[in-house]
Protein backbone atom coordinates (compact mmCIF):
# COMPACT_ATOMS: atom_id res chain seq x y z
CA UNK A 1 -25.08 23.68 7.54
CA UNK A 2 -26.59 20.48 9.43
CA UNK A 3 -26.66 16.95 7.79
CA UNK A 4 -29.31 14.38 8.66
CA UNK A 5 -26.87 11.61 7.90
CA UNK A 6 -28.94 8.57 6.03
CA UNK A 7 -32.00 10.23 4.96
CA UNK A 8 -30.25 10.51 1.30
CA UNK A 9 -27.73 7.75 0.71
CA UNK A 10 -25.18 9.61 -0.80
CA UNK A 11 -25.42 12.27 2.44
CA UNK A 12 -22.10 13.08 2.91
CA UNK A 13 -19.91 16.26 4.55
CA UNK A 14 -16.25 16.51 3.64
CA UNK A 15 -14.84 18.03 6.74
CA UNK A 16 -11.23 20.32 6.62
CA UNK A 17 -9.68 22.36 9.33
CA UNK A 18 -8.39 25.84 7.97
CA UNK A 19 -5.20 25.11 6.30
CA UNK A 20 -1.90 26.40 8.45
CA UNK A 21 0.40 28.76 7.77
CA UNK A 22 3.02 26.51 9.45
CA UNK A 23 2.63 22.63 8.77
CA UNK A 24 1.53 20.26 10.96
CA UNK A 25 2.71 17.19 9.92
CA UNK A 26 6.90 16.98 10.19
CA UNK A 27 7.82 14.06 10.26
CA UNK A 28 6.23 10.79 9.53
CA UNK A 29 6.19 10.09 13.07
CA UNK A 30 3.55 12.54 12.72
CA UNK A 31 1.44 11.16 9.64
CA UNK A 32 1.44 7.73 11.71
CA UNK A 33 -0.11 9.12 15.29
CA UNK A 34 -2.63 10.83 13.24
CA UNK A 35 -3.19 8.18 11.66
CA UNK A 36 -3.36 6.03 14.42
CA UNK A 37 -6.19 8.36 16.46
CA UNK A 38 -8.41 7.76 13.03
CA UNK A 39 -8.19 4.64 13.73
CA UNK A 40 -8.76 4.62 17.77
CA UNK A 41 -11.68 6.89 16.86
CA UNK A 42 -13.13 4.91 14.26
CA UNK A 43 -12.67 1.25 15.72
CA UNK A 44 -14.58 -0.87 18.46
CA UNK A 45 -12.60 0.04 21.82
CA UNK A 46 -12.34 -3.37 22.57
CA UNK A 47 -10.72 -4.11 19.22
CA UNK A 48 -8.02 -1.40 19.79
CA UNK A 49 -8.11 -2.78 23.77
CA UNK A 50 -7.12 -6.20 22.48
CA UNK A 51 -4.64 -4.83 19.74
CA UNK A 52 -2.63 -3.45 22.16
CA UNK A 53 -2.78 -6.64 24.57
CA UNK A 54 -2.01 -8.98 21.46
CA UNK A 55 0.80 -6.85 20.58
CA UNK A 56 4.38 -8.81 20.93
CA UNK A 57 6.93 -5.96 20.72
CA UNK A 58 7.70 -3.90 23.76
CA UNK A 59 5.08 -1.55 24.04
CA UNK A 60 5.44 1.13 26.81
CA UNK A 61 3.00 1.99 29.13
CA UNK A 62 0.36 -0.98 28.07
CA UNK A 63 -1.76 -0.09 31.19
CA UNK A 64 -1.83 3.33 30.68
CA UNK A 65 -2.85 3.35 27.02
CA UNK A 66 -5.53 0.88 27.31
CA UNK A 67 -6.81 3.12 29.73
CA UNK A 68 -6.62 6.21 28.19
CA UNK A 69 -8.37 4.02 25.26
CA UNK A 70 -11.12 3.75 27.30
CA UNK A 71 -11.53 7.21 28.42
CA UNK A 72 -11.48 8.54 24.84
CA UNK A 73 -14.99 9.39 23.07
CA UNK A 74 -15.21 6.75 20.40
CA UNK A 75 -17.11 6.85 17.35
CA UNK A 76 -17.54 3.85 15.90
CA UNK A 77 -20.77 3.13 14.30
CA UNK A 78 -21.40 7.06 14.25
CA UNK A 79 -18.88 7.97 12.02
CA UNK A 80 -18.13 7.09 8.34
CA UNK A 81 -14.54 8.40 6.75
CA UNK A 82 -15.16 7.59 3.28
CA UNK A 83 -11.47 9.02 1.95
CA UNK A 84 -8.71 11.28 3.50
CA UNK A 85 -4.85 12.78 2.67
CA UNK A 86 -2.92 14.66 5.06
CA UNK A 87 -0.92 17.40 3.51
CA UNK A 88 1.99 19.15 5.13
CA UNK A 89 -0.10 22.06 6.57
CA UNK A 90 -3.61 21.05 6.24
CA UNK A 91 -5.87 17.40 6.06
CA UNK A 92 -9.16 16.64 4.37
CA UNK A 93 -11.64 14.11 5.61
CA UNK A 94 -14.38 12.67 3.53
CA UNK A 95 -16.40 11.71 6.73
CA UNK A 96 -20.39 10.05 7.00
CA UNK A 97 -22.17 10.44 10.07
CA UNK A 98 -25.51 8.50 11.72
CA UNK A 99 -26.41 11.48 13.49
CA UNK A 100 -26.71 15.28 13.62
CA UNK A 101 -23.35 17.22 15.24
CA UNK A 102 -21.38 13.43 15.55
CA UNK A 103 -18.93 14.92 13.00
CA UNK A 104 -18.78 18.54 14.89
CA UNK A 105 -17.79 15.97 18.58
CA UNK A 106 -15.66 13.51 16.05
CA UNK A 107 -13.47 16.66 14.56
CA UNK A 108 -13.34 18.57 18.29
CA UNK A 109 -12.19 15.38 19.73
CA UNK A 110 -9.40 14.73 16.91
CA UNK A 111 -7.75 17.75 16.56
CA UNK A 112 -7.60 18.38 20.41
CA UNK A 113 -5.78 15.05 20.82
CA UNK A 114 -3.49 15.94 17.89
CA UNK A 115 -3.17 19.22 19.00
CA UNK A 116 -1.89 17.99 22.29
CA UNK A 117 0.75 15.40 20.96
CA UNK A 118 2.25 18.11 18.81
CA UNK A 119 2.47 20.79 20.92
CA UNK A 120 4.16 18.31 23.44
CA UNK A 121 5.89 16.90 20.89
CA UNK A 122 7.90 20.02 19.67
CA UNK A 123 7.45 22.24 22.78
CA UNK A 124 5.01 24.61 21.99
CA UNK A 125 2.07 25.97 23.40
CA UNK A 126 -1.23 27.41 21.53
CA UNK A 127 -4.14 26.49 19.12
CA UNK A 128 -2.14 24.41 16.29
CA UNK A 129 -4.92 25.44 13.38
CA UNK A 130 -6.42 28.54 13.17
CA UNK A 131 -10.52 29.16 13.74
CA UNK A 132 -12.44 26.17 12.89
CA UNK A 133 -12.82 23.38 10.02
CA UNK A 134 -14.26 23.94 6.84
CA UNK A 135 -17.29 21.67 5.51
CA UNK A 136 -19.28 21.01 2.68
CA UNK A 137 -22.66 19.15 2.27
CA UNK A 138 -23.16 16.44 -0.43
CA UNK A 139 -26.29 15.34 -1.25
CA UNK A 140 -25.85 13.77 -4.75
CA UNK A 141 -23.21 10.95 -5.60
CA UNK A 142 -21.86 13.33 -8.72
CA UNK A 143 -21.01 15.21 -5.89
CA UNK A 144 -19.56 12.60 -3.82
CA UNK A 145 -17.86 10.81 -6.61
CA UNK A 146 -16.06 14.26 -7.19
CA UNK A 147 -14.94 15.12 -3.78
CA UNK A 148 -13.11 11.78 -3.58
CA UNK A 149 -11.52 12.81 -6.75
CA UNK A 150 -10.50 16.19 -4.99
CA UNK A 151 -8.47 14.68 -2.15
CA UNK A 152 -7.12 11.95 -3.71
CA UNK A 153 -5.30 14.06 -6.48
CA UNK A 154 -4.21 16.59 -3.53
CA UNK A 155 -0.80 15.05 -3.17
CA UNK A 156 -0.06 16.16 -6.60
CA UNK A 157 2.27 19.56 -6.11
CA UNK A 158 4.27 17.44 -3.88
CA UNK A 159 4.98 14.26 -6.37
CA UNK A 160 8.56 14.81 -8.28
CA UNK A 161 8.52 14.05 -11.92
CA UNK A 162 7.48 10.37 -12.37
CA UNK A 163 6.46 9.53 -9.09
CA UNK A 164 2.74 8.12 -9.46
CA UNK A 165 -0.36 9.86 -7.10
CA UNK A 166 -0.66 6.07 -5.51
CA UNK A 167 2.62 6.11 -4.15
CA UNK A 168 1.55 9.28 -1.94
CA UNK A 169 1.53 6.57 1.31
CA UNK A 170 -0.47 9.54 3.64
CA UNK A 171 -3.66 8.88 1.91
CA UNK A 172 -6.45 6.19 1.07
CA UNK A 173 -6.10 6.46 -2.50
CA UNK A 174 -3.34 3.48 -2.15
CA UNK A 175 -6.36 1.53 -0.26
CA UNK A 176 -8.65 2.00 -2.98
CA UNK A 177 -6.20 0.76 -5.54
CA UNK A 178 -4.55 -1.93 -4.44
CA UNK A 179 -7.22 -3.26 -2.24
CA UNK A 180 -5.66 -2.74 0.71
CA UNK A 181 -8.25 -3.44 3.65
CA UNK A 182 -8.38 -0.72 5.98
CA UNK A 183 -10.88 -1.48 8.89
CA UNK A 184 -11.82 1.76 9.66
CA UNK A 185 -12.32 2.99 6.27
CA UNK A 186 -15.71 3.11 4.46
CA UNK A 187 -14.73 2.51 0.53
CA UNK A 188 -18.44 0.84 -0.26
CA UNK A 189 -19.94 3.84 -1.66
CA UNK A 190 -16.98 5.37 -3.99
CA UNK A 191 -16.36 1.65 -4.92
CA UNK A 192 -20.28 0.86 -6.18
CA UNK A 193 -20.19 3.33 -8.57
CA UNK A 194 -17.23 1.66 -10.59
CA UNK A 195 -18.34 -2.09 -11.32
CA UNK A 196 -17.43 -3.88 -14.13
CA UNK A 197 -18.95 -7.40 -14.28
CA UNK A 198 -19.83 -6.56 -10.98
CA UNK A 199 -16.16 -6.26 -9.64
CA UNK A 200 -14.98 -2.83 -8.52
CA UNK A 201 -12.58 -1.92 -11.60
CA UNK A 202 -9.44 -0.11 -10.03
CA UNK A 203 -8.87 0.88 -13.64
CA UNK A 204 -12.08 2.79 -14.06
CA UNK A 205 -11.51 4.35 -10.83
CA UNK A 206 -7.57 5.74 -11.06
CA UNK A 207 -8.85 6.89 -14.29
CA UNK A 208 -11.37 8.89 -13.01
CA UNK A 209 -9.16 10.06 -10.31
CA UNK A 210 -6.29 10.74 -12.60
CA UNK A 211 -7.53 11.66 -16.28
CA UNK A 212 -6.55 15.67 -16.27
CA UNK A 213 -9.94 16.13 -18.53
CA UNK A 214 -12.24 14.69 -16.00
CA UNK A 215 -12.75 17.80 -14.07
CA UNK A 216 -16.30 18.39 -14.69
CA UNK A 217 -18.72 20.88 -13.13
CA UNK A 218 -18.38 18.66 -9.48
CA UNK A 219 -15.10 19.21 -9.43
CA UNK A 220 -15.65 22.74 -10.02
CA UNK A 221 -17.97 23.07 -7.55
CA UNK A 222 -16.57 21.46 -4.23
CA UNK A 223 -13.11 24.59 -4.98
CA UNK A 224 -16.33 27.01 -5.54
CA UNK A 225 -17.15 25.70 -1.89
CA UNK A 226 -14.03 26.19 -0.68
CA UNK A 227 -13.11 29.47 -1.50
CA UNK A 228 -16.64 30.61 -0.24
CA UNK A 229 -15.55 29.19 2.64
CA UNK A 230 -18.91 27.69 3.82
CA UNK A 231 -18.81 26.33 7.17
CA UNK A 232 -20.97 24.01 9.53
């Protein structure tokens, strides 16, 4: 499927690599590294470079890291990340692209970079992900909202008794509920659908995500798309 992004306000593609039989995130560092790659790819290069230069802590190989940032593909202004969740053996991203094939290029860059990190750290060789990622084209506001719900509910299977969904740290959900600003996360499309007195209502969105009775047609369609294995 090809997305002609921004022609329709809610045109989105939700992308996800195929689920791997082995874990792709083994410890906390792995999750943090992956998020750092999202940040670098989706932030202006100069901002990423200045953050490293201004870091008072002792960062090893500063010049090498800065040089690498300048050589990386950059998707600031090309890709909007609307929601995400990292799970032990897969991840989900809600993405919006401004031009054709931007998501394809972004995913290739992201997966390649993380695979190199993972293989080096764990002394392994070969592909980390099985085949290409799957993608679903989103063309309605309802579908967009249920996509965000689907992504943010993913960690439920990992939570212990009485642990809240918003306590899962490797998701954009805490950012939505706690109004935490992440410069490389674009929340406007979701927030604009949960307003009270012209302000984002955390309670409305939390109820929408966490209320089990909210599993309506939109979310069931997402499950169906995954089962069909649609891909770009």
